[in-house]
Amino acid sequence: MKILVINGPNLNLLGEREKDNYGEITLEKINEELKNLAKELQVEIDFFQSNTEGSIVDKIQNAKGIFDGIIINPAAYTHTSIALRDAILAVKIPTIEVHLSNIHSREEFRKYSYTAPVCIGQIAGFKKDSYLLGLRAIVNHLKEC
């Protein structure tokens, strides 16, 4: 079983930006914890981060036939990108959307996700644990399929 973790814009700045919303953990540390959990769950895991929408769309499209599941934090593209939505829908790879903060308790424009309706689920508000819960959830989902 092979899982792809995709992170969108500005997540490369975790640990430096808006610590009240995102905490002090870096993306590298989250990835390290995901690698440890993946080893425990006996799955392969790969990571991708980009600040550009087209690169993320390309990565999703290129995942077809390679990855069994995707965990995605589209970041700001959650609320703006029909292109990401369409890419997730097109590849038919089970995908879980994750967010460090609870997007539903923040600014009004952050409460709607274009990508969530084409994902098997959304996990938000648990900081780094959103990713860890997402990995457990996608693995369990794939085992049940």
C-alpha atoms as a PDB file:
ATOM      1  CA  MET A   1       0.000   0.000   0.000  1.00  0.00           C
ATOM      2  CA  LYS A   2       1.449   3.353  -1.050  1.00  0.00           C
ATOM      3  CA  ILE A   3       0.197   6.729   0.221  1.00  0.00           C
ATOM      4  CA  LEU A   4       0.976  10.197  -1.157  1.00  0.00           C
ATOM      5  CA  VAL A   5       0.870  13.216   1.171  1.00  0.00           C
ATOM      6  CA  ILE A   6       0.371  16.522  -0.657  1.00  0.00           C
ATOM      7  CA  ASN A   7       0.792  19.912   0.997  1.00  0.00           C
ATOM      8  CA  GLY A   8      -0.268  23.167  -0.602  1.00  0.00           C
ATOM      9  CA  PRO A   9       0.908  26.762  -0.443  1.00  0.00           C
ATOM     10  CA  ASN A  10       2.727  28.223   2.538  1.00  0.00           C
ATOM     11  CA  LEU A  11       2.847  24.947   4.447  1.00  0.00           C
ATOM     12  CA  ASN A  12       6.605  24.988   3.910  1.00  0.00           C
ATOM     13  CA  LEU A  13       6.563  27.910   6.398  1.00  0.00           C
ATOM     14  CA  LEU A  14       4.991  25.944   9.246  1.00  0.00           C
ATOM     15  CA  GLY A  15       6.618  26.683  12.555  1.00  0.00           C
ATOM     16  CA  GLU A  16       7.208  30.294  11.494  1.00  0.00           C
ATOM     17  CA  ARG A  17       3.733  31.542  10.558  1.00  0.00           C
ATOM     18  CA  GLU A  18       0.503  32.047  12.487  1.00  0.00           C
ATOM     19  CA  LYS A  19       1.466  29.818  15.387  1.00  0.00           C
ATOM     20  CA  ASP A  20      -1.913  30.380  17.055  1.00  0.00           C
ATOM     21  CA  ASN A  21      -3.618  28.626  14.136  1.00  0.00           C
ATOM     22  CA  TYR A  22      -0.988  26.103  13.089  1.00  0.00           C
ATOM     23  CA  GLY A  23       1.252  25.514  16.096  1.00  0.00           C
ATOM     24  CA  GLU A  24       5.019  25.526  16.207  1.00  0.00           C
ATOM     25  CA  ILE A  25       5.655  22.241  14.425  1.00  0.00           C
ATOM     26  CA  THR A  26       7.412  22.308  11.058  1.00  0.00           C
ATOM     27  CA  LEU A  27       6.318  20.432   7.954  1.00  0.00           C
ATOM     28  CA  GLU A  28       9.528  18.396   8.175  1.00  0.00           C
ATOM     29  CA  LYS A  29       8.587  17.247  11.687  1.00  0.00           C
ATOM     30  CA  ILE A  30       5.055  16.330  10.573  1.00  0.00           C
ATOM     31  CA  ASN A  31       6.541  14.317   7.708  1.00  0.00           C
ATOM     32  CA  GLU A  32       8.918  12.586  10.111  1.00  0.00           C
ATOM     33  CA  GLU A  33       6.032  11.575  12.376  1.00  0.00           C
ATOM     34  CA  LEU A  34       4.066  10.365   9.342  1.00  0.00           C
ATOM     35  CA  LYS A  35       7.058   8.249   8.219  1.00  0.00           C
ATOM     36  CA  ASN A  36       7.204   6.637  11.670  1.00  0.00           C
ATOM     37  CA  LEU A  37       3.484   5.895  11.650  1.00  0.00           C
ATOM     38  CA  ALA A  38       3.651   4.569   8.071  1.00  0.00           C
ATOM     39  CA  LYS A  39       6.379   2.162   9.154  1.00  0.00           C
ATOM     40  CA  GLU A  40       4.214   1.006  12.058  1.00  0.00           C
ATOM     41  CA  LEU A  41       1.239   0.543   9.708  1.00  0.00           C
ATOM     42  CA  GLN A  42       3.482  -1.186   7.143  1.00  0.00           C
ATOM     43  CA  VAL A  43       2.722   1.192   4.281  1.00  0.00           C
ATOM     44  CA  GLU A  44       4.927   3.218   1.967  1.00  0.00           C
ATOM     45  CA  ILE A  45       4.615   6.985   2.088  1.00  0.00           C
ATOM     46  CA  ASP A  46       5.819   9.810  -0.133  1.00  0.00           C
ATOM     47  CA  PHE A  47       5.607  13.599   0.295  1.00  0.00           C
ATOM     48  CA  PHE A  48       5.062  16.573  -1.996  1.00  0.00           C
ATOM     49  CA  GLN A  49       4.698  20.271  -1.221  1.00  0.00           C
ATOM     50  CA  SER A  50       4.150  23.081  -3.687  1.00  0.00           C
ATOM     51  CA  ASN A  51       3.071  26.683  -3.600  1.00  0.00           C
ATOM     52  CA  THR A  52       1.696  26.467  -7.149  1.00  0.00           C
ATOM     53  CA  GLU A  53      -1.698  25.083  -8.059  1.00  0.00           C
ATOM     54  CA  GLY A  54      -0.649  23.568 -11.389  1.00  0.00           C
ATOM     55  CA  SER A  55       2.169  21.573  -9.795  1.00  0.00           C
ATOM     56  CA  ILE A  56      -0.276  20.078  -7.315  1.00  0.00           C
ATOM     57  CA  VAL A  57      -2.732  19.215 -10.105  1.00  0.00           C
ATOM     58  CA  ASP A  58       0.106  17.536 -12.019  1.00  0.00           C
ATOM     59  CA  LYS A  59       1.141  15.552  -8.933  1.00  0.00           C
ATOM     60  CA  ILE A  60      -2.422  14.326  -8.377  1.00  0.00           C
ATOM     61  CA  GLN A  61      -2.776  13.304 -12.024  1.00  0.00           C
ATOM     62  CA  ASN A  62       0.606  11.542 -12.027  1.00  0.00           C
ATOM     63  CA  ALA A  63      -0.346   9.604  -8.874  1.00  0.00           C
ATOM     64  CA  LYS A  64      -2.782   7.412 -10.812  1.00  0.00           C
ATOM     65  CA  GLY A  65      -1.538   3.847 -10.980  1.00  0.00           C
ATOM     66  CA  ILE A  66       1.269   4.572  -8.497  1.00  0.00           C
ATOM     67  CA  PHE A  67      -0.450   5.476  -5.224  1.00  0.00           C
ATOM     68  CA  ASP A  68      -3.350   3.740  -3.501  1.00  0.00           C
ATOM     69  CA  GLY A  69      -4.405   6.755  -1.456  1.00  0.00           C
ATOM     70  CA  ILE A  70      -3.794  10.469  -1.039  1.00  0.00           C
ATOM     71  CA  ILE A  71      -3.763  12.703   2.011  1.00  0.00           C
ATOM     72  CA  ILE A  72      -4.006  16.347   0.961  1.00  0.00           C
ATOM     73  CA  ASN A  73      -3.812  19.640   2.773  1.00  0.00           C
ATOM     74  CA  PRO A  74      -4.691  22.005  -0.071  1.00  0.00           C
ATOM     75  CA  ALA A  75      -4.168  24.972   2.273  1.00  0.00           C
ATOM     76  CA  ALA A  76      -5.603  28.162   0.725  1.00  0.00           C
ATOM     77  CA  TYR A  77      -6.492  26.250  -2.455  1.00  0.00           C
ATOM     78  CA  THR A  78      -9.116  24.430  -0.370  1.00  0.00           C
ATOM     79  CA  HIS A  79     -11.321  27.494  -0.697  1.00  0.00           C
ATOM     80  CA  THR A  80     -10.509  28.513  -4.269  1.00  0.00           C
ATOM     81  CA  SER A  81      -9.455  25.626  -6.484  1.00  0.00           C
ATOM     82  CA  ILE A  82     -11.923  23.893  -8.725  1.00  0.00           C
ATOM     83  CA  ALA A  83      -8.865  22.557 -10.584  1.00  0.00           C
ATOM     84  CA  LEU A  84      -7.733  20.557  -7.526  1.00  0.00           C
ATOM     85  CA  ARG A  85     -11.277  19.324  -7.017  1.00  0.00           C
ATOM     86  CA  ASP A  86     -11.477  18.151 -10.608  1.00  0.00           C
ATOM     87  CA  ALA A  87      -8.063  16.443 -10.431  1.00  0.00           C
ATOM     88  CA  ILE A  88      -9.021  14.499  -7.293  1.00  0.00           C
ATOM     89  CA  LEU A  89     -12.294  13.486  -8.900  1.00  0.00           C
ATOM     90  CA  ALA A  90     -10.635  12.478 -12.183  1.00  0.00           C
ATOM     91  CA  VAL A  91      -7.978  10.125 -10.784  1.00  0.00           C
ATOM     92  CA  LYS A  92     -10.414   8.192  -8.568  1.00  0.00           C
ATOM     93  CA  ILE A  93      -7.775   7.651  -5.869  1.00  0.00           C
ATOM     94  CA  PRO A  94      -9.306   7.648  -2.376  1.00  0.00           C
ATOM     95  CA  THR A  95      -8.325  10.988  -0.849  1.00  0.00           C
ATOM     96  CA  ILE A  96      -8.601  12.476   2.626  1.00  0.00           C
ATOM     97  CA  GLU A  97      -8.443  16.234   3.143  1.00  0.00           C
ATOM     98  CA  VAL A  98      -6.621  17.391   6.276  1.00  0.00           C
ATOM     99  CA  HIS A  99      -6.160  20.765   7.948  1.00  0.00           C
ATOM    100  CA  LEU A 100      -4.113  21.756  10.973  1.00  0.00           C
ATOM    101  CA  SER A 101      -6.694  24.318  12.086  1.00  0.00           C
ATOM    102  CA  ASN A 102     -10.450  23.989  12.272  1.00  0.00           C
ATOM    103  CA  ILE A 103     -11.380  25.752   9.042  1.00  0.00           C
ATOM    104  CA  HIS A 104     -15.028  25.855  10.136  1.00  0.00           C
ATOM    105  CA  SER A 105     -14.242  28.070  13.125  1.00  0.00           C
ATOM    106  CA  ARG A 106     -12.155  30.599  11.228  1.00  0.00           C
ATOM    107  CA  GLU A 107     -12.927  33.365   8.746  1.00  0.00           C
ATOM    108  CA  GLU A 108     -16.103  32.957   6.733  1.00  0.00           C
ATOM    109  CA  PHE A 109     -14.247  32.430   3.438  1.00  0.00           C
ATOM    110  CA  ARG A 110     -12.382  29.440   4.933  1.00  0.00           C
ATOM    111  CA  LYS A 111     -15.534  27.537   5.836  1.00  0.00           C
ATOM    112  CA  TYR A 112     -16.186  26.203   2.331  1.00  0.00           C
ATOM    113  CA  SER A 113     -13.994  23.540   0.776  1.00  0.00           C
ATOM    114  CA  TYR A 114     -14.109  22.847  -2.958  1.00  0.00           C
ATOM    115  CA  THR A 115     -12.112  19.650  -2.440  1.00  0.00           C
ATOM    116  CA  ALA A 116     -13.912  18.032   0.519  1.00  0.00           C
ATOM    117  CA  PRO A 117     -16.961  16.883  -1.481  1.00  0.00           C
ATOM    118  CA  VAL A 118     -14.755  14.701  -3.716  1.00  0.00           C
ATOM    119  CA  CYS A 119     -12.732  13.288  -0.806  1.00  0.00           C
ATOM    120  CA  ILE A 120     -13.740  10.311   1.318  1.00  0.00           C
ATOM    121  CA  GLY A 121     -13.424  12.490   4.408  1.00  0.00           C
ATOM    122  CA  GLN A 122     -12.051  15.634   6.006  1.00  0.00           C
ATOM    123  CA  ILE A 123     -10.077  15.940   9.255  1.00  0.00           C
ATOM    124  CA  ALA A 124      -9.536  19.440  10.626  1.00  0.00           C
ATOM    125  CA  GLY A 125      -8.535  21.175  13.822  1.00  0.00           C
ATOM    126  CA  PHE A 126      -6.164  18.684  15.404  1.00  0.00           C
ATOM    127  CA  LYS A 127      -2.901  20.369  14.331  1.00  0.00           C
ATOM    128  CA  LYS A 128      -0.301  17.680  13.432  1.00  0.00           C
ATOM    129  CA  ASP A 129      -2.652  14.936  14.590  1.00  0.00           C
ATOM    130  CA  SER A 130      -4.948  15.760  11.656  1.00  0.00           C
ATOM    131  CA  TYR A 131      -2.266  14.221   9.427  1.00  0.00           C
ATOM    132  CA  LEU A 132      -1.727  11.194  11.679  1.00  0.00           C
ATOM    133  CA  LEU A 133      -5.462  10.576  11.911  1.00  0.00           C
ATOM    134  CA  GLY A 134      -5.659  11.000   8.132  1.00  0.00           C
ATOM    135  CA  LEU A 135      -3.013   8.339   7.571  1.00  0.00           C
ATOM    136  CA  ARG A 136      -4.773   5.892   9.880  1.00  0.00           C
ATOM    137  CA  ALA A 137      -8.097   6.637   8.183  1.00  0.00           C
ATOM    138  CA  ILE A 138      -6.849   6.173   4.605  1.00  0.00           C
ATOM    139  CA  VAL A 139      -5.072   2.926   5.517  1.00  0.00           C
ATOM    140  CA  ASN A 140      -8.199   1.579   7.228  1.00  0.00           C
ATOM    141  CA  HIS A 141     -10.340   2.635   4.266  1.00  0.00           C
ATOM    142  CA  LEU A 142      -8.046   0.914   1.775  1.00  0.00           C
ATOM    143  CA  LYS A 143      -7.947  -2.288   3.862  1.00  0.00           C
ATOM    144  CA  GLU A 144     -11.759  -2.376   3.851  1.00  0.00           C
ATOM    145  CA  CYS A 145     -12.018  -1.929   0.077  1.00  0.00           C
END
